[in-house]
Amino acid sequence: MAVSSLSFGDREYVGIQEVQGPLFVIEGIHDVGYNELVEIVDDSGLRKLGITLEVAKGKAVVQVFGTTGGLSLAGSRVKFKGRPFELGVGSGMLGRIFNGLGAPIDEMPAPVPEKISDVNGLPINPTARDYPRKFIQTGISSIDIMTTLVRGQKLPIFSGNGLPHDILSAQIARQAKIIGETQGFAVVFAAMGVKHDVARFFIDSFQESGALADAAVFLSLADAPSIERIITPRVALTCAEFLAFEKGMHILVIMTDMGNYCEALREISTLRGEIPARKGYPGYLYSDLSSLYERAGLIKGREGSITQMPILTMPNDDITHPVPDLTGYITEGQVVLERELSQKGVYPPIAGLPSLSRLMKDNIGSGLTRDDHPHLASQLFACYARVKDVRALSLVIGREELSALDRQYLEFGDVFEKQFLSQGEQEERSLEQSLGLGWKILTLLPKEELHRISADETAQYYGK
């Protein structure tokens, strides 16, 4: 194997030993590092990039960003760059659209970087974390009132194939804001493994609404290599970390679809011959997801924050599938989309009972949102749970055999789904509007049924 220079940083190796799919094996090299950036030149002179996936003494397995077509065993030239995959970050990334590796795809020059950062960032040190505070208004009643999003929180959306999670994620990205906050608020949007028409939808949604001015969009298409889907969320989070902790901004990171990300992990793990765990996913799936999710939060002494809303599709709507199951252990709640609601024409079809926000109780109420918010949310949950029980009973004995009170609960459930849960794709509701709507719907039930609301709150809001 020929070497062009004695310096490791400039050494160029000619010839590789084996090619398998997007991977190739090279031997007879100096000791290189894991996740080291690699430059490859094929027989036609075309330059490609890759990273090392496995390293041993004098040997490495490299995954190419793209296809290995054109690489020959004897003629390929390989140069190890001596550094990991890095991204030039700066405030100029806002208002721009990039591919999954951080290269602009909006026909504009690359933004001037203010800093070069390793995309393989570290989770926030637990001792340096500050407790998530401050309500983020999404303009969607079912989230703002019943599964409140908090600045610095990790709140995933669990969806299913065919459900409108793409429409919901774009709506949240357009509407999200921190009421009364003077610091800059922006969205970093990362899409992994999406089809061309879905990518076009996201671009049009941002551009037509004007939300692109305060957003950085990273799109990795379905025909992109698996390794790009693994790099894309890391690139997006690296951008978010700079804006949050270097520029003092509050950043909402939306990542869709984490199911595609995990499929890419499984594909690469299979190619590497690793021993599979649950449903063929690698045994390190939990720690890998943690390395992404735990990059969200607040840091003591820093002004900015990162809030995450990862979106994932559950195969066969199975919430016990490894991806949602492990995600639920790492994050602070979940917003669950329900197929039955979607079939009724409810948008967004957010299931009231399995959805929760574990940080909600500490960030709503007096001095935070509105005094009656905690009790109203609790009462809506309780009443909707009763609706589910009454509906199940009516299937057994028939609606005509129900008591008058039970029929009132059925009416409440229908109106709750059609007026409170359901809203337009372009409809943005303020917190006051959502709270008022919740109280209006509660008037369908007698006061005696509202056990979770104080007498003072009933006197002030019920029927008003």
Protein backbone atom coordinates (compact mmCIF):
# COMPACT_ATOMS: atom_id res chain seq x y z
CA MET A 1 0.00 0.00 0.00
CA ALA A 2 1.49 3.33 -1.08
CA VAL A 3 1.85 6.35 1.17
CA SER A 4 2.22 9.88 -0.20
CA SER A 5 3.59 11.66 2.87
CA LEU A 6 5.10 10.95 6.29
CA SER A 7 2.67 13.26 8.12
CA PHE A 8 -0.40 11.43 9.43
CA GLY A 9 -2.64 14.39 8.57
CA ASP A 10 -1.47 14.31 4.95
CA ARG A 11 -1.03 10.58 4.46
CA GLU A 12 -2.92 9.15 1.53
CA TYR A 13 -3.38 5.40 1.30
CA VAL A 14 -3.96 3.70 -2.03
CA GLY A 15 -6.07 0.55 -2.15
CA ILE A 16 -8.72 -0.99 0.08
CA GLN A 17 -9.34 -4.60 1.09
CA GLU A 18 -13.11 -5.07 0.98
CA VAL A 19 -16.33 -3.24 0.04
CA GLN A 20 -19.71 -4.24 1.48
CA GLY A 21 -22.67 -1.97 0.78
CA PRO A 22 -21.82 1.52 2.06
CA LEU A 23 -18.84 0.16 4.07
CA PHE A 24 -15.28 -0.57 3.12
CA VAL A 25 -12.34 -2.06 5.01
CA ILE A 26 -8.84 -0.67 4.81
CA GLU A 27 -5.72 -2.20 6.34
CA GLY A 28 -2.06 -1.32 6.72
CA ILE A 29 -2.75 2.17 8.04
CA HIS A 30 -1.65 4.19 11.05
CA ASP A 31 -3.85 3.98 14.15
CA VAL A 32 -6.91 6.12 13.55
CA GLY A 33 -9.73 7.23 15.84
CA TYR A 34 -13.38 6.22 16.12
CA ASN A 35 -15.71 8.64 14.27
CA GLU A 36 -12.73 10.16 12.45
CA LEU A 37 -13.52 11.97 9.21
CA VAL A 38 -12.26 10.26 6.06
CA GLU A 39 -11.79 11.59 2.52
CA ILE A 40 -12.04 9.08 -0.33
CA VAL A 41 -11.17 9.61 -4.01
CA ASP A 42 -12.51 7.00 -6.46
CA ASP A 43 -11.02 5.99 -9.79
CA SER A 44 -12.76 8.84 -11.63
CA GLY A 45 -11.39 11.49 -9.26
CA LEU A 46 -14.70 12.04 -7.45
CA ARG A 47 -14.19 12.98 -3.80
CA LYS A 48 -16.42 11.52 -1.09
CA LEU A 49 -16.52 11.76 2.68
CA GLY A 50 -16.95 9.04 5.27
CA ILE A 51 -16.38 8.29 8.94
CA THR A 52 -14.72 5.41 10.74
CA LEU A 53 -17.19 3.02 12.39
CA GLU A 54 -14.68 0.48 13.73
CA VAL A 55 -10.96 0.82 14.37
CA ALA A 56 -8.24 -1.63 15.31
CA LYS A 57 -4.46 -1.57 15.15
CA GLY A 58 -3.59 -0.76 11.54
CA LYS A 59 -7.17 -1.35 10.36
CA ALA A 60 -10.49 0.52 10.02
CA VAL A 61 -14.05 0.07 8.78
CA VAL A 62 -15.31 3.22 7.04
CA GLN A 63 -18.85 4.19 6.09
CA VAL A 64 -19.18 6.46 3.06
CA PHE A 65 -21.58 9.41 2.95
CA GLY A 66 -23.20 8.21 -0.24
CA THR A 67 -22.60 5.21 -2.45
CA THR A 68 -19.43 3.13 -2.70
CA GLY A 69 -20.01 2.87 -6.46
CA GLY A 70 -16.82 3.76 -8.31
CA LEU A 71 -14.50 2.57 -5.55
CA SER A 72 -12.06 -0.08 -6.73
CA LEU A 73 -9.99 -2.26 -4.43
CA ALA A 74 -6.72 -1.30 -6.06
CA GLY A 75 -7.22 2.30 -7.16
CA SER A 76 -9.19 4.03 -4.36
CA ARG A 77 -7.28 6.65 -2.41
CA VAL A 78 -8.08 7.24 1.26
CA LYS A 79 -6.98 10.06 3.57
CA PHE A 80 -7.77 10.20 7.30
CA LYS A 81 -8.35 13.79 8.39
CA GLY A 82 -7.41 13.39 12.06
CA ARG A 83 -10.63 15.02 13.31
CA PRO A 84 -14.31 14.14 13.69
CA PHE A 85 -17.13 15.41 11.51
CA GLU A 86 -17.43 19.13 12.22
CA LEU A 87 -19.93 21.87 11.44
CA GLY A 88 -19.35 25.57 10.97
CA VAL A 89 -22.03 27.23 13.10
CA GLY A 90 -23.19 30.84 13.28
CA SER A 91 -26.23 33.09 13.62
CA GLY A 92 -26.44 33.16 9.81
CA MET A 93 -27.84 29.63 9.88
CA LEU A 94 -31.24 31.03 10.84
CA GLY A 95 -33.45 31.52 7.82
CA ARG A 96 -31.62 28.83 5.87
CA ILE A 97 -32.31 25.31 4.60
CA PHE A 98 -29.59 22.63 4.70
CA ASN A 99 -29.20 18.99 3.82
CA GLY A 100 -28.61 16.39 6.50
CA LEU A 101 -24.88 17.12 6.63
CA GLY A 102 -25.28 20.88 7.06
CA ALA A 103 -24.62 21.94 3.45
CA PRO A 104 -26.99 24.64 2.10
CA ILE A 105 -29.64 23.48 -0.39
CA ASP A 106 -31.48 26.79 -0.78
CA GLU A 107 -29.29 28.07 -3.65
CA MET A 108 -27.55 30.59 -1.39
CA PRO A 109 -23.90 30.74 -0.29
CA ALA A 110 -22.91 28.89 2.86
CA PRO A 111 -23.32 31.11 5.95
CA VAL A 112 -20.14 32.52 7.43
CA PRO A 113 -19.23 30.31 10.41
CA GLU A 114 -18.50 31.92 13.75
CA LYS A 115 -17.23 28.68 15.25
CA ILE A 116 -16.27 25.17 14.12
CA SER A 117 -17.87 22.53 16.35
CA ASP A 118 -17.69 18.75 16.62
CA VAL A 119 -21.18 17.41 15.83
CA ASN A 120 -20.70 14.60 18.35
CA GLY A 121 -21.55 16.85 21.25
CA LEU A 122 -21.88 15.66 24.82
CA PRO A 123 -25.01 15.41 26.96
CA ILE A 124 -25.42 18.22 29.48
CA ASN A 125 -23.70 17.41 32.76
CA PRO A 126 -26.43 16.66 35.34
CA THR A 127 -24.69 18.82 37.95
CA ALA A 128 -24.72 21.78 35.56
CA ARG A 129 -28.41 21.45 34.68
CA ASP A 130 -31.00 23.97 35.76
CA TYR A 131 -34.60 22.86 36.30
CA PRO A 132 -36.80 23.45 33.23
CA ARG A 133 -39.01 26.50 33.70
CA LYS A 134 -41.41 28.65 31.66
CA PHE A 135 -44.40 27.61 29.60
CA ILE A 136 -43.96 27.41 25.80
CA GLN A 137 -47.18 28.19 23.97
CA THR A 138 -47.72 26.03 20.89
CA GLY A 139 -51.14 27.50 20.02
CA ILE A 140 -52.65 23.99 20.21
CA SER A 141 -55.22 23.64 23.01
CA SER A 142 -54.69 19.95 23.77
CA ILE A 143 -50.95 20.51 24.28
CA ASP A 144 -51.03 23.90 26.02
CA ILE A 145 -53.74 22.96 28.52
CA MET A 146 -53.33 19.23 29.11
CA THR A 147 -49.71 18.31 28.19
CA THR A 148 -47.95 21.62 28.66
CA LEU A 149 -44.56 22.05 26.97
CA VAL A 150 -41.89 23.61 29.21
CA ARG A 151 -38.70 25.44 28.23
CA GLY A 152 -35.82 22.97 28.53
CA GLN A 153 -38.07 19.88 28.41
CA LYS A 154 -37.88 16.78 26.22
CA LEU A 155 -41.46 16.03 25.12
CA PRO A 156 -41.75 13.50 22.27
CA ILE A 157 -44.74 12.95 19.99
CA PHE A 158 -45.68 9.28 19.51
CA SER A 159 -47.49 8.77 16.23
CA GLY A 160 -48.38 6.00 13.80
CA ASN A 161 -48.06 5.48 10.07
CA GLY A 162 -50.55 7.63 8.20
CA LEU A 163 -51.30 9.94 11.13
CA PRO A 164 -50.72 13.70 10.60
CA HIS A 165 -47.53 14.08 12.64
CA ASP A 166 -45.82 15.96 9.79
CA ILE A 167 -48.62 18.53 9.68
CA LEU A 168 -48.58 18.83 13.48
CA SER A 169 -44.80 19.25 13.68
CA ALA A 170 -44.88 22.00 11.03
CA GLN A 171 -47.73 23.75 12.90
CA ILE A 172 -45.82 23.64 16.20
CA ALA A 173 -42.70 24.97 14.48
CA ARG A 174 -44.70 27.91 13.05
CA GLN A 175 -46.63 28.79 16.19
CA ALA A 176 -44.39 28.03 19.19
CA LYS A 177 -43.41 31.02 21.33
CA ILE A 178 -42.58 31.98 24.92
CA ILE A 179 -45.08 34.59 26.08
CA GLY A 180 -43.49 37.62 27.71
CA GLU A 181 -39.93 36.54 26.94
CA THR A 182 -37.66 39.22 25.49
CA GLN A 183 -34.81 36.90 24.50
CA GLY A 184 -34.69 35.49 21.00
CA PHE A 185 -36.74 32.37 20.26
CA ALA A 186 -36.01 30.17 17.25
CA VAL A 187 -36.72 26.69 15.89
CA VAL A 188 -34.19 24.14 14.65
CA PHE A 189 -36.02 21.59 12.52
CA ALA A 190 -34.43 18.27 11.54
CA ALA A 191 -36.16 15.78 9.23
CA MET A 192 -34.61 12.34 8.68
CA GLY A 193 -35.52 9.90 5.94
CA VAL A 194 -38.43 11.97 4.64
CA LYS A 195 -39.81 11.66 1.10
CA HIS A 196 -39.37 14.50 -1.39
CA ASP A 197 -43.02 15.58 -1.19
CA VAL A 198 -42.84 15.74 2.63
CA ALA A 199 -39.65 17.80 2.44
CA ARG A 200 -41.38 20.14 -0.03
CA PHE A 201 -44.30 20.46 2.39
CA PHE A 202 -41.98 21.49 5.23
CA ILE A 203 -40.14 24.04 3.07
CA ASP A 204 -43.37 25.58 1.76
CA SER A 205 -44.85 25.68 5.27
CA PHE A 206 -41.88 27.61 6.66
CA GLN A 207 -41.56 29.95 3.70
CA GLU A 208 -45.24 30.82 3.28
CA SER A 209 -45.78 31.51 6.99
CA GLY A 210 -42.61 33.58 7.38
CA ALA A 211 -41.41 31.25 10.15
CA LEU A 212 -38.25 30.44 8.18
CA ALA A 213 -36.72 33.76 9.28
CA ASP A 214 -36.37 32.35 12.81
CA ALA A 215 -35.64 28.75 11.88
CA ALA A 216 -32.80 26.56 10.67
CA VAL A 217 -34.05 23.57 8.67
CA PHE A 218 -32.07 20.36 8.08
CA LEU A 219 -33.55 17.86 5.60
CA SER A 220 -32.18 14.36 5.05
CA LEU A 221 -34.20 12.74 2.29
CA ALA A 222 -35.26 9.11 2.06
CA ASP A 223 -32.70 8.41 -0.69
CA ALA A 224 -29.82 9.70 1.44
CA PRO A 225 -27.43 7.10 2.91
CA SER A 226 -28.14 5.66 6.34
CA ILE A 227 -25.13 7.35 7.91
CA GLU A 228 -26.54 10.76 6.95
CA ARG A 229 -29.72 10.00 8.91
CA ILE A 230 -27.53 9.30 11.93
CA ILE A 231 -25.52 12.50 11.50
CA THR A 232 -28.52 14.83 10.82
CA PRO A 233 -29.88 15.14 14.40
CA ARG A 234 -26.34 15.69 15.66
CA VAL A 235 -25.78 18.45 13.11
CA ALA A 236 -29.09 20.09 14.10
CA LEU A 237 -28.31 19.87 17.82
CA THR A 238 -24.85 21.33 17.25
CA CYS A 239 -26.47 24.33 15.56
CA ALA A 240 -29.00 24.58 18.42
CA GLU A 241 -26.29 24.44 21.09
CA PHE A 242 -24.42 27.33 19.52
CA LEU A 243 -27.52 29.50 19.26
CA ALA A 244 -28.66 28.61 22.78
CA PHE A 245 -25.49 28.60 24.84
CA GLU A 246 -23.28 30.95 22.80
CA LYS A 247 -25.93 33.45 21.66
CA GLY A 248 -28.34 33.16 24.61
CA MET A 249 -31.39 32.19 22.54
CA HIS A 250 -34.23 29.83 23.41
CA ILE A 251 -34.28 27.04 20.83
CA LEU A 252 -37.02 24.52 20.13
CA VAL A 253 -35.58 21.48 18.35
CA ILE A 254 -38.09 19.35 16.43
CA MET A 255 -36.71 16.06 15.09
CA THR A 256 -38.78 13.83 12.80
CA ASP A 257 -38.82 10.91 12.33
CA MET A 258 -36.79 9.23 15.08
CA GLY A 259 -38.15 5.92 13.79
CA ASN A 260 -36.17 6.46 10.58
CA TYR A 261 -33.11 7.34 12.65
CA CYS A 262 -33.37 4.08 14.60
CA GLU A 263 -33.90 2.10 11.39
CA ALA A 264 -30.61 3.54 10.10
CA LEU A 265 -28.91 2.47 13.34
CA ARG A 266 -30.29 -1.05 12.90
CA GLU A 267 -29.15 -1.21 9.26
CA ILE A 268 -25.60 -0.19 10.06
CA SER A 269 -25.48 -2.51 13.07
CA THR A 270 -26.51 -5.43 10.84
CA LEU A 271 -23.83 -4.58 8.27
CA ARG A 272 -21.24 -4.54 11.03
CA GLY A 273 -22.33 -8.00 12.19
CA GLU A 274 -23.28 -6.88 15.69
CA ILE A 275 -25.39 -9.10 17.91
CA PRO A 276 -28.99 -7.79 17.69
CA ALA A 277 -31.19 -7.03 20.69
CA ARG A 278 -34.98 -6.42 20.73
CA LYS A 279 -36.50 -6.59 17.23
CA GLY A 280 -33.03 -6.49 15.66
CA TYR A 281 -32.05 -3.10 17.06
CA PRO A 282 -28.53 -2.79 18.49
CA GLY A 283 -28.10 -3.28 22.22
CA TYR A 284 -26.84 0.29 22.57
CA LEU A 285 -30.08 1.85 21.25
CA TYR A 286 -30.95 3.29 24.68
CA SER A 287 -27.56 4.96 25.18
CA ASP A 288 -27.52 6.22 21.59
CA LEU A 289 -30.95 7.87 21.95
CA SER A 290 -29.83 9.30 25.31
CA SER A 291 -26.82 10.91 23.64
CA LEU A 292 -29.29 12.95 21.54
CA TYR A 293 -32.13 13.62 23.99
CA GLU A 294 -29.84 14.61 26.86
CA ARG A 295 -28.38 17.47 24.81
CA ALA A 296 -31.58 19.39 25.65
CA GLY A 297 -32.08 21.48 28.76
CA LEU A 298 -30.93 24.56 30.64
CA ILE A 299 -27.41 25.16 31.98
CA LYS A 300 -26.81 27.07 35.19
CA GLY A 301 -25.33 30.49 34.48
CA ARG A 302 -26.26 30.41 30.78
CA GLU A 303 -29.08 32.49 29.34
CA GLY A 304 -30.26 30.21 26.56
CA SER A 305 -32.08 26.88 26.50
CA ILE A 306 -32.81 23.89 24.26
CA THR A 307 -36.25 22.28 24.24
CA GLN A 308 -36.78 19.08 22.27
CA MET A 309 -39.85 17.61 20.58
CA PRO A 310 -38.68 14.40 18.88
CA ILE A 311 -41.37 12.77 16.73
CA LEU A 312 -41.46 9.04 16.12
CA THR A 313 -43.84 6.63 14.40
CA MET A 314 -44.79 3.45 16.25
CA PRO A 315 -44.96 0.35 14.01
CA ASN A 316 -48.53 -1.01 14.19
CA ASP A 317 -49.30 1.75 16.73
CA ASP A 318 -47.41 -0.34 19.31
CA ILE A 319 -46.34 1.91 22.18
CA THR A 320 -44.30 -0.99 23.64
CA HIS A 321 -42.08 -1.08 20.52
CA PRO A 322 -38.40 -0.53 21.50
CA VAL A 323 -38.15 2.97 20.03
CA PRO A 324 -41.11 4.60 21.88
CA ASP A 325 -40.51 2.38 24.90
CA LEU A 326 -36.90 3.52 25.37
CA THR A 327 -37.75 7.11 24.42
CA GLY A 328 -40.34 7.20 27.20
CA TYR A 329 -37.70 6.25 29.77
CA ILE A 330 -35.41 9.11 28.72
CA THR A 331 -37.87 11.95 28.15
CA GLU A 332 -40.30 13.80 30.43
CA GLY A 333 -43.64 12.63 29.08
CA GLN A 334 -45.17 12.10 25.67
CA VAL A 335 -47.89 13.38 23.34
CA VAL A 336 -49.68 10.39 21.80
CA LEU A 337 -51.63 10.58 18.53
CA GLU A 338 -54.66 8.27 18.37
CA ARG A 339 -55.85 6.56 15.18
CA GLU A 340 -59.48 6.39 16.37
CA LEU A 341 -59.62 10.18 16.78
CA SER A 342 -58.04 10.67 13.38
CA GLN A 343 -60.66 8.43 11.79
CA LYS A 344 -63.34 10.65 13.37
CA GLY A 345 -61.83 13.64 11.56
CA VAL A 346 -60.26 15.16 14.67
CA TYR A 347 -57.07 17.15 14.05
CA PRO A 348 -54.73 17.05 15.83
CA PRO A 349 -55.75 13.57 17.04
CA ILE A 350 -54.00 13.89 20.40
CA ALA A 351 -55.16 11.18 22.80
CA GLY A 352 -56.07 12.82 26.09
CA LEU A 353 -55.44 9.96 28.52
CA PRO A 354 -52.09 8.36 27.49
CA SER A 355 -50.50 11.79 26.90
CA LEU A 356 -48.74 13.53 29.76
CA SER A 357 -46.11 16.13 30.56
CA ARG A 358 -44.16 15.30 33.72
CA LEU A 359 -42.90 18.88 34.15
CA MET A 360 -46.34 20.45 33.68
CA LYS A 361 -47.34 20.56 37.37
CA ASP A 362 -44.38 22.77 38.31
CA ASN A 363 -44.86 25.24 35.46
CA ILE A 364 -48.57 26.10 35.39
CA GLY A 365 -50.84 27.94 37.78
CA SER A 366 -50.54 31.17 39.72
CA GLY A 367 -47.82 33.47 38.39
CA LEU A 368 -46.96 31.05 35.60
CA THR A 369 -49.96 30.58 33.31
CA ARG A 370 -53.30 31.24 35.09
CA ASP A 371 -54.55 30.32 38.56
CA ASP A 372 -57.23 27.94 37.32
CA HIS A 373 -55.05 26.09 34.76
CA PRO A 374 -53.99 23.11 36.97
CA HIS A 375 -57.50 22.38 38.24
CA LEU A 376 -59.12 22.87 34.82
CA ALA A 377 -56.66 20.44 33.19
CA SER A 378 -57.23 17.87 35.93
CA GLN A 379 -61.00 18.19 35.59
CA LEU A 380 -60.89 17.78 31.81
CA PHE A 381 -58.78 14.65 32.21
CA ALA A 382 -61.17 13.21 34.80
CA CYS A 383 -64.29 13.95 32.77
CA TYR A 384 -62.81 12.53 29.56
CA ALA A 385 -61.81 9.35 31.43
CA ARG A 386 -65.45 9.03 32.56
CA VAL A 387 -66.53 9.48 28.92
CA LYS A 388 -64.40 6.48 27.90
CA ASP A 389 -66.03 4.34 30.58
CA VAL A 390 -69.55 5.42 29.59
CA ARG A 391 -68.86 4.73 25.91
CA ALA A 392 -67.68 1.24 26.77
CA LEU A 393 -70.81 0.68 28.87
CA SER A 394 -73.10 1.93 26.09
CA LEU A 395 -71.68 -0.70 23.74
CA VAL A 396 -72.89 -3.36 26.16
CA ILE A 397 -76.31 -2.09 27.28
CA GLY A 398 -77.13 0.43 24.57
CA ARG A 399 -77.27 4.22 24.75
CA GLU A 400 -81.00 4.29 25.61
CA GLU A 401 -80.37 2.35 28.84
CA LEU A 402 -77.84 4.89 30.15
CA SER A 403 -78.74 7.31 32.93
CA ALA A 404 -79.38 10.96 32.14
CA LEU A 405 -76.01 11.88 33.67
CA ASP A 406 -74.19 9.31 31.56
CA ARG A 407 -75.83 10.73 28.43
CA GLN A 408 -74.58 14.17 29.49
CA TYR A 409 -71.06 12.73 29.67
CA LEU A 410 -71.43 11.31 26.16
CA GLU A 411 -72.44 14.74 24.90
CA PHE A 412 -69.50 16.29 26.75
CA GLY A 413 -67.12 13.77 25.12
CA ASP A 414 -68.38 14.51 21.61
CA VAL A 415 -68.12 18.29 22.08
CA PHE A 416 -64.73 17.98 23.80
CA GLU A 417 -63.32 16.11 20.79
CA LYS A 418 -64.95 18.32 18.13
CA GLN A 419 -64.31 21.71 19.71
CA PHE A 420 -61.42 21.42 22.17
CA LEU A 421 -59.16 18.71 20.75
CA SER A 422 -59.95 19.61 17.15
CA GLN A 423 -58.70 22.80 15.53
CA GLY A 424 -57.57 23.98 12.12
CA GLU A 425 -54.11 23.33 10.70
CA GLN A 426 -53.61 27.09 10.48
CA GLU A 427 -55.51 27.92 13.68
CA GLU A 428 -53.46 29.31 16.55
CA ARG A 429 -55.18 29.65 19.93
CA SER A 430 -53.82 31.75 22.77
CA LEU A 431 -53.66 30.31 26.27
CA GLU A 432 -56.62 32.47 27.30
CA GLN A 433 -58.68 31.18 24.37
CA SER A 434 -57.87 27.56 25.19
CA LEU A 435 -58.70 28.00 28.88
CA GLY A 436 -61.96 29.74 28.01
CA LEU A 437 -62.88 26.95 25.62
CA GLY A 438 -62.22 24.35 28.32
CA TRP A 439 -64.54 26.14 30.75
CA LYS A 440 -67.23 26.52 28.10
CA ILE A 441 -67.27 22.77 27.45
CA LEU A 442 -67.42 21.97 31.17
CA THR A 443 -70.78 23.78 31.36
CA LEU A 444 -72.26 20.72 29.61
CA LEU A 445 -71.92 18.94 32.95
CA PRO A 446 -73.60 19.90 36.23
CA LYS A 447 -71.50 21.75 38.82
CA GLU A 448 -71.83 18.81 41.20
CA GLU A 449 -69.67 16.70 38.86
CA LEU A 450 -66.73 19.13 38.91
CA HIS A 451 -64.91 17.72 41.94
CA ARG A 452 -61.41 18.93 40.99
CA ILE A 453 -62.23 22.62 40.71
CA SER A 454 -62.48 24.93 43.72
CA ALA A 455 -65.69 26.74 44.59
CA ASP A 456 -64.04 30.11 43.90
CA GLU A 457 -62.95 28.99 40.42
CA THR A 458 -66.41 27.62 39.68
CA ALA A 459 -67.97 30.91 40.72
CA GLN A 460 -65.50 32.91 38.62
CA TYR A 461 -65.42 30.89 35.39
CA TYR A 462 -68.26 28.34 35.19
CA GLY A 463 -70.92 29.51 32.76
CA LYS A 464 -69.18 32.86 32.21
